[in-house]
């Protein structure tokens, strides 16, 4: 029992150290000389549009298959 509590404490301490390190790494990326703050997502607009269209087509295909399957099940019940 004592060993389990000690292991939990070590895991919790490790998680806290990792959680504290994440903001420090994020702050380094946003230094004044960094070009990340100057970039925008405007050049990727076509990628977002294409991604959205693909999802619309996939969902439409799923709906079409579901309707055909329901129609087939109704035919088989008769």
Protein backbone atom coordinates (compact mmCIF):
# COMPACT_ATOMS: atom_id res chain seq x y z
CA UNK A 1 0.00 0.00 0.00
CA UNK A 2 2.83 2.36 0.88
CA UNK A 3 4.51 1.57 -2.43
CA UNK A 4 1.36 2.43 -4.40
CA UNK A 5 1.01 5.80 -2.65
CA UNK A 6 4.67 6.59 -3.33
CA UNK A 7 4.23 5.66 -7.01
CA UNK A 8 1.14 7.87 -7.23
CA UNK A 9 3.09 10.73 -5.71
CA UNK A 10 5.92 10.31 -8.19
CA UNK A 11 3.52 10.18 -11.14
CA UNK A 12 1.68 13.26 -9.88
CA UNK A 13 4.97 15.14 -9.41
CA UNK A 14 6.07 14.16 -12.94
CA UNK A 15 2.76 15.35 -14.41
CA UNK A 16 3.03 18.66 -12.56
CA UNK A 17 6.56 19.23 -13.85
CA UNK A 18 5.46 18.44 -17.40
CA UNK A 19 2.43 20.74 -17.09
CA UNK A 20 4.67 23.56 -15.84
CA UNK A 21 7.09 23.09 -18.76
CA UNK A 22 4.43 23.45 -21.48
CA UNK A 23 3.81 27.22 -20.98
CA UNK A 24 7.54 27.87 -20.95
CA UNK A 25 7.97 26.18 -24.33
CA UNK A 26 4.97 28.06 -25.71
CA UNK A 27 6.41 31.38 -24.53
CA UNK A 28 9.71 30.69 -26.28
CA UNK A 29 7.92 30.30 -29.60
CA UNK A 30 6.30 33.74 -29.28
CA UNK A 31 9.46 35.78 -28.75
CA UNK A 32 9.55 39.20 -30.47
CA UNK A 33 11.88 37.96 -33.23
CA UNK A 34 9.53 35.12 -34.07
CA UNK A 35 7.62 35.28 -37.35
CA UNK A 36 4.86 32.99 -36.03
CA UNK A 37 2.86 35.95 -34.75
CA UNK A 38 2.93 37.64 -38.17
CA UNK A 39 1.56 34.68 -40.12
CA UNK A 40 -2.10 34.26 -40.94
CA UNK A 41 -4.23 31.36 -42.14
CA UNK A 42 -5.30 33.17 -45.30
CA UNK A 43 -3.06 31.09 -47.63
CA UNK A 44 -4.69 27.93 -46.31
CA UNK A 45 -8.26 28.96 -47.17
CA UNK A 46 -8.41 26.55 -50.11
CA UNK A 47 -7.22 23.70 -47.89
CA UNK A 48 -10.02 24.42 -45.41
CA UNK A 49 -12.57 24.62 -48.21
CA UNK A 50 -11.38 21.34 -49.72
CA UNK A 51 -11.43 19.65 -46.32
CA UNK A 52 -14.99 20.86 -45.72
CA UNK A 53 -16.10 19.65 -49.16
CA UNK A 54 -14.61 16.22 -48.55
CA UNK A 55 -16.51 15.93 -45.26
CA UNK A 56 -19.74 17.03 -46.95
CA UNK A 57 -19.27 14.39 -49.67
CA UNK A 58 -18.45 11.67 -47.14
CA UNK A 59 -21.47 12.49 -44.99
CA UNK A 60 -23.68 12.64 -48.09
CA UNK A 61 -22.39 9.24 -49.17
CA UNK A 62 -23.16 7.80 -45.72
CA UNK A 63 -26.71 9.17 -45.87
CA UNK A 64 -27.19 7.74 -49.37
CA UNK A 65 -25.95 4.31 -48.30
CA UNK A 66 -28.18 4.39 -45.20
CA UNK A 67 -31.25 5.21 -47.33
CA UNK A 68 -30.47 2.42 -49.80
CA UNK A 69 -29.96 -0.02 -46.95
CA UNK A 70 -33.29 0.98 -45.37
CA UNK A 71 -35.02 0.55 -48.75
CA UNK A 72 -33.44 -2.89 -49.17
CA UNK A 73 -34.49 -3.93 -45.64
CA UNK A 74 -38.09 -2.87 -46.39
CA UNK A 75 -38.07 -4.97 -49.57
CA UNK A 76 -36.77 -8.01 -47.71
CA UNK A 77 -39.40 -7.73 -44.96
CA UNK A 78 -42.28 -8.14 -47.43
